[in-house]
Amino acid sequence: MAKKSAVEKNERRRKLVARFAAKRAELKAIAKNPNLDLEDRFAARLKLAEMPRNGSKTRIRNRCDVTGRPRAYYRKLGISRIAIRELGSKGLVPGLLKSSW
């Protein structure tokens, strides 16, 4: 089981990303637009730099929904390989057969 503080920190980041997503997209569009004046683009970059870093989508870490484990995460299922193995052994993952020999 992952540290509760790490899982909570990741949840706070998800909320910040949702809150600042529109503003960040708007500023990025201004900063990347080659038709605008150089000063306007630079001002947009400065405003983007003033925003909280945790508001960026790349700061979010994919974590297992069951255990909170940050590694070996399967996007399709939203859980880690260890959780898949445990749930598969119990027969809770449809279509998954755990082999044993």
N, C-alpha and C. Protein backbone atom coordinates (compact mmCIF):
# COMPACT_ATOMS: atom_id res chain seq x y z
N MET A 1 0.85 -1.18 0.00
CA MET A 1 0.00 0.00 0.00
C MET A 1 0.89 1.24 0.00
N ALA A 2 0.56 2.20 -0.83
CA ALA A 2 1.34 3.42 -0.95
C ALA A 2 1.09 4.34 0.24
N LYS A 3 2.01 5.28 0.44
CA LYS A 3 1.82 6.25 1.50
C LYS A 3 0.57 7.07 1.22
N LYS A 4 -0.18 7.29 2.26
CA LYS A 4 -1.43 8.03 2.09
C LYS A 4 -1.15 9.48 1.66
N SER A 5 -0.05 10.04 2.16
CA SER A 5 0.28 11.42 1.80
C SER A 5 0.58 11.55 0.31
N ALA A 6 1.24 10.55 -0.28
CA ALA A 6 1.55 10.60 -1.71
C ALA A 6 0.28 10.51 -2.54
N VAL A 7 -0.65 9.66 -2.12
CA VAL A 7 -1.92 9.52 -2.85
C VAL A 7 -2.72 10.82 -2.75
N GLU A 8 -2.75 11.42 -1.56
CA GLU A 8 -3.49 12.67 -1.36
C GLU A 8 -2.86 13.82 -2.15
N LYS A 9 -1.54 13.86 -2.21
CA LYS A 9 -0.86 14.90 -2.98
C LYS A 9 -1.23 14.80 -4.45
N ASN A 10 -1.30 13.57 -4.95
CA ASN A 10 -1.68 13.36 -6.34
C ASN A 10 -3.11 13.81 -6.59
N GLU A 11 -4.00 13.58 -5.64
CA GLU A 11 -5.39 14.02 -5.78
C GLU A 11 -5.49 15.54 -5.79
N ARG A 12 -4.69 16.20 -4.96
CA ARG A 12 -4.66 17.68 -4.96
C ARG A 12 -4.19 18.19 -6.32
N ARG A 13 -3.20 17.51 -6.88
CA ARG A 13 -2.71 17.90 -8.20
C ARG A 13 -3.80 17.75 -9.25
N ARG A 14 -4.58 16.66 -9.18
CA ARG A 14 -5.67 16.46 -10.14
C ARG A 14 -6.69 17.60 -10.06
N LYS A 15 -6.99 18.04 -8.85
CA LYS A 15 -7.95 19.14 -8.68
C LYS A 15 -7.39 20.44 -9.24
N LEU A 16 -6.10 20.71 -9.01
CA LEU A 16 -5.48 21.92 -9.54
C LEU A 16 -5.46 21.90 -11.07
N VAL A 17 -5.18 20.76 -11.65
CA VAL A 17 -5.15 20.65 -13.11
C VAL A 17 -6.52 20.96 -13.68
N ALA A 18 -7.55 20.42 -13.04
CA ALA A 18 -8.92 20.67 -13.52
C ALA A 18 -9.28 22.15 -13.39
N ARG A 19 -8.81 22.78 -12.32
CA ARG A 19 -9.16 24.18 -12.09
C ARG A 19 -8.47 25.13 -13.06
N PHE A 20 -7.21 24.82 -13.42
CA PHE A 20 -6.44 25.74 -14.25
C PHE A 20 -6.32 25.31 -15.71
N ALA A 21 -7.00 24.26 -16.11
CA ALA A 21 -6.85 23.72 -17.46
C ALA A 21 -7.21 24.74 -18.53
N ALA A 22 -8.33 25.42 -18.39
CA ALA A 22 -8.76 26.37 -19.41
C ALA A 22 -7.81 27.56 -19.51
N LYS A 23 -7.41 28.09 -18.37
CA LYS A 23 -6.51 29.24 -18.34
C LYS A 23 -5.15 28.89 -18.95
N ARG A 24 -4.63 27.71 -18.61
CA ARG A 24 -3.34 27.28 -19.16
C ARG A 24 -3.42 27.10 -20.67
N ALA A 25 -4.51 26.51 -21.16
CA ALA A 25 -4.67 26.29 -22.59
C ALA A 25 -4.74 27.63 -23.33
N GLU A 26 -5.43 28.58 -22.74
CA GLU A 26 -5.55 29.91 -23.35
C GLU A 26 -4.19 30.60 -23.44
N LEU A 27 -3.43 30.57 -22.35
CA LEU A 27 -2.11 31.21 -22.34
C LEU A 27 -1.14 30.50 -23.28
N LYS A 28 -1.21 29.18 -23.36
CA LYS A 28 -0.33 28.45 -24.27
C LYS A 28 -0.65 28.78 -25.73
N ALA A 29 -1.94 28.94 -26.04
CA ALA A 29 -2.33 29.29 -27.40
C ALA A 29 -1.79 30.66 -27.78
N ILE A 30 -1.84 31.60 -26.84
CA ILE A 30 -1.31 32.94 -27.10
C ILE A 30 0.20 32.87 -27.28
N ALA A 31 0.88 32.12 -26.42
CA ALA A 31 2.34 32.05 -26.46
C ALA A 31 2.86 31.37 -27.72
N LYS A 32 2.10 30.46 -28.28
CA LYS A 32 2.55 29.73 -29.47
C LYS A 32 2.10 30.35 -30.79
N ASN A 33 1.26 31.37 -30.72
CA ASN A 33 0.72 31.98 -31.93
C ASN A 33 1.78 32.87 -32.59
N PRO A 34 2.30 32.51 -33.76
CA PRO A 34 3.35 33.32 -34.40
C PRO A 34 2.84 34.62 -35.00
N ASN A 35 1.52 34.77 -35.13
CA ASN A 35 0.96 35.99 -35.72
C ASN A 35 0.89 37.15 -34.73
N LEU A 36 1.01 36.85 -33.43
CA LEU A 36 0.93 37.90 -32.43
C LEU A 36 2.28 38.58 -32.24
N ASP A 37 2.21 39.74 -31.59
CA ASP A 37 3.42 40.51 -31.30
C ASP A 37 4.30 39.75 -30.31
N LEU A 38 5.61 39.94 -30.39
CA LEU A 38 6.56 39.23 -29.54
C LEU A 38 6.35 39.57 -28.06
N GLU A 39 6.01 40.82 -27.76
CA GLU A 39 5.80 41.24 -26.37
C GLU A 39 4.58 40.55 -25.76
N ASP A 40 3.52 40.40 -26.56
CA ASP A 40 2.31 39.73 -26.08
C ASP A 40 2.59 38.26 -25.79
N ARG A 41 3.34 37.63 -26.68
CA ARG A 41 3.68 36.22 -26.48
C ARG A 41 4.55 36.05 -25.24
N PHE A 42 5.49 36.95 -25.05
CA PHE A 42 6.36 36.88 -23.88
C PHE A 42 5.57 37.11 -22.59
N ALA A 43 4.63 38.04 -22.63
CA ALA A 43 3.78 38.29 -21.46
C ALA A 43 2.95 37.07 -21.11
N ALA A 44 2.47 36.36 -22.12
CA ALA A 44 1.71 35.14 -21.88
C ALA A 44 2.60 34.08 -21.25
N ARG A 45 3.85 33.99 -21.68
CA ARG A 45 4.79 33.03 -21.08
C ARG A 45 5.06 33.38 -19.61
N LEU A 46 5.18 34.66 -19.32
CA LEU A 46 5.41 35.07 -17.92
C LEU A 46 4.21 34.74 -17.04
N LYS A 47 3.00 34.97 -17.56
CA LYS A 47 1.79 34.62 -16.79
C LYS A 47 1.69 33.11 -16.59
N LEU A 48 2.10 32.36 -17.60
CA LEU A 48 2.08 30.91 -17.49
C LEU A 48 3.08 30.43 -16.43
N ALA A 49 4.22 31.11 -16.36
CA ALA A 49 5.23 30.74 -15.38
C ALA A 49 4.80 31.09 -13.95
N GLU A 50 3.93 32.08 -13.80
CA GLU A 50 3.45 32.48 -12.47
C GLU A 50 2.39 31.52 -11.92
N MET A 51 1.79 30.75 -12.80
CA MET A 51 0.75 29.82 -12.35
C MET A 51 1.39 28.69 -11.54
N PRO A 52 0.60 28.01 -10.69
CA PRO A 52 1.18 26.93 -9.89
C PRO A 52 1.68 25.77 -10.75
N ARG A 53 2.83 25.25 -10.38
CA ARG A 53 3.42 24.16 -11.15
C ARG A 53 2.56 22.91 -11.11
N ASN A 54 1.92 22.67 -9.99
CA ASN A 54 1.09 21.47 -9.86
C ASN A 54 -0.19 21.57 -10.68
N GLY A 55 -0.42 22.71 -11.33
CA GLY A 55 -1.56 22.85 -12.21
C GLY A 55 -1.30 22.28 -13.60
N SER A 56 -0.08 21.82 -13.85
CA SER A 56 0.27 21.23 -15.13
C SER A 56 -0.11 19.76 -15.16
N LYS A 57 -0.64 19.32 -16.28
CA LYS A 57 -1.12 17.94 -16.39
C LYS A 57 0.02 16.93 -16.28
N THR A 58 1.22 17.32 -16.66
CA THR A 58 2.34 16.38 -16.62
C THR A 58 2.80 16.08 -15.20
N ARG A 59 2.33 16.83 -14.21
CA ARG A 59 2.73 16.58 -12.83
C ARG A 59 1.91 15.47 -12.18
N ILE A 60 0.84 15.04 -12.84
CA ILE A 60 -0.01 13.98 -12.29
C ILE A 60 0.69 12.63 -12.50
N ARG A 61 0.67 11.82 -11.46
CA ARG A 61 1.26 10.49 -11.53
C ARG A 61 0.14 9.46 -11.58
N ASN A 62 0.21 8.54 -12.55
CA ASN A 62 -0.77 7.46 -12.61
C ASN A 62 -0.55 6.52 -11.44
N ARG A 63 -1.61 6.28 -10.66
CA ARG A 63 -1.52 5.41 -9.50
C ARG A 63 -2.64 4.39 -9.53
N CYS A 64 -2.37 3.23 -8.94
CA CYS A 64 -3.34 2.16 -8.85
C CYS A 64 -4.53 2.62 -8.01
N ASP A 65 -5.73 2.34 -8.48
CA ASP A 65 -6.94 2.72 -7.74
C ASP A 65 -7.12 1.88 -6.48
N VAL A 66 -6.58 0.67 -6.48
CA VAL A 66 -6.75 -0.24 -5.35
C VAL A 66 -5.71 0.02 -4.27
N THR A 67 -4.43 0.05 -4.67
CA THR A 67 -3.34 0.13 -3.69
C THR A 67 -2.64 1.48 -3.66
N GLY A 68 -2.75 2.27 -4.71
CA GLY A 68 -2.03 3.54 -4.78
C GLY A 68 -0.62 3.39 -5.31
N ARG A 69 -0.26 2.20 -5.76
CA ARG A 69 1.09 1.93 -6.25
C ARG A 69 1.37 2.76 -7.51
N PRO A 70 2.53 3.45 -7.57
CA PRO A 70 2.82 4.30 -8.73
C PRO A 70 3.46 3.58 -9.91
N ARG A 71 4.00 2.39 -9.69
CA ARG A 71 4.69 1.68 -10.77
C ARG A 71 3.83 0.54 -11.31
N ALA A 72 4.18 0.06 -12.50
CA ALA A 72 3.50 -1.07 -13.15
C ALA A 72 2.00 -0.83 -13.24
N TYR A 73 1.62 0.35 -13.74
CA TYR A 73 0.23 0.78 -13.84
C TYR A 73 -0.32 0.45 -15.22
N TYR A 74 -1.46 -0.21 -15.27
CA TYR A 74 -2.14 -0.51 -16.53
C TYR A 74 -3.23 0.53 -16.75
N ARG A 75 -3.09 1.34 -17.78
CA ARG A 75 -4.04 2.42 -18.04
C ARG A 75 -5.44 1.91 -18.33
N LYS A 76 -5.51 0.83 -19.06
CA LYS A 76 -6.81 0.30 -19.48
C LYS A 76 -7.68 -0.10 -18.29
N LEU A 77 -7.04 -0.65 -17.27
CA LEU A 77 -7.78 -1.10 -16.09
C LEU A 77 -7.70 -0.12 -14.93
N GLY A 78 -6.67 0.72 -14.91
CA GLY A 78 -6.51 1.70 -13.84
C GLY A 78 -5.94 1.11 -12.56
N ILE A 79 -5.34 -0.07 -12.67
CA ILE A 79 -4.74 -0.70 -11.48
C ILE A 79 -3.36 -1.25 -11.83
N SER A 80 -2.59 -1.61 -10.80
CA SER A 80 -1.24 -2.11 -11.00
C SER A 80 -1.24 -3.60 -11.30
N ARG A 81 -0.09 -4.10 -11.70
CA ARG A 81 0.04 -5.52 -12.05
C ARG A 81 -0.21 -6.41 -10.86
N ILE A 82 0.18 -5.96 -9.67
CA ILE A 82 0.00 -6.77 -8.47
C ILE A 82 -1.49 -6.87 -8.12
N ALA A 83 -2.19 -5.75 -8.25
CA ALA A 83 -3.63 -5.76 -7.98
C ALA A 83 -4.37 -6.62 -9.01
N ILE A 84 -3.91 -6.58 -10.27
CA ILE A 84 -4.52 -7.42 -11.31
C ILE A 84 -4.35 -8.89 -10.95
N ARG A 85 -3.16 -9.24 -10.49
CA ARG A 85 -2.89 -10.63 -10.13
C ARG A 85 -3.78 -11.08 -8.98
N GLU A 86 -3.91 -10.25 -7.95
CA GLU A 86 -4.73 -10.61 -6.79
C GLU A 86 -6.21 -10.71 -7.17
N LEU A 87 -6.70 -9.72 -7.90
CA LEU A 87 -8.11 -9.73 -8.30
C LEU A 87 -8.40 -10.84 -9.30
N GLY A 88 -7.41 -11.12 -10.17
CA GLY A 88 -7.58 -12.20 -11.13
C GLY A 88 -7.62 -13.56 -10.46
N SER A 89 -6.85 -13.72 -9.42
CA SER A 89 -6.86 -14.99 -8.69
C SER A 89 -8.19 -15.23 -8.00
N LYS A 90 -8.83 -14.15 -7.59
CA LYS A 90 -10.13 -14.25 -6.94
C LYS A 90 -11.27 -14.34 -7.95
N GLY A 91 -10.95 -14.15 -9.23
CA GLY A 91 -11.97 -14.22 -10.28
C GLY A 91 -12.78 -12.95 -10.42
N LEU A 92 -12.23 -11.81 -10.02
CA LEU A 92 -12.97 -10.55 -10.06
C LEU A 92 -12.70 -9.72 -11.33
N VAL A 93 -11.73 -10.13 -12.15
CA VAL A 93 -11.45 -9.42 -13.39
C VAL A 93 -12.02 -10.25 -14.54
N PRO A 94 -13.04 -9.73 -15.24
CA PRO A 94 -13.66 -10.52 -16.31
C PRO A 94 -12.67 -10.79 -17.45
N GLY A 95 -12.65 -12.03 -17.91
CA GLY A 95 -11.80 -12.40 -19.04
C GLY A 95 -10.37 -12.71 -18.68
N LEU A 96 -10.01 -12.65 -17.40
CA LEU A 96 -8.64 -12.90 -16.99
C LEU A 96 -8.55 -14.26 -16.30
N LEU A 97 -7.68 -15.11 -16.83
CA LEU A 97 -7.43 -16.41 -16.22
C LEU A 97 -5.99 -16.46 -15.77
N LYS A 98 -5.76 -16.65 -14.50
CA LYS A 98 -4.40 -16.75 -13.98
C LYS A 98 -3.93 -18.19 -14.18
N SER A 99 -2.81 -18.31 -14.88
CA SER A 99 -2.28 -19.65 -15.11
C SER A 99 -1.42 -20.07 -13.94
N SER A 100 -1.44 -21.35 -13.65
CA SER A 100 -0.57 -21.91 -12.64
C SER A 100 -0.20 -23.32 -13.07
N TRP A 101 1.05 -23.68 -12.84
CA TRP A 101 1.50 -25.02 -13.23
C TRP A 101 2.48 -25.56 -12.23
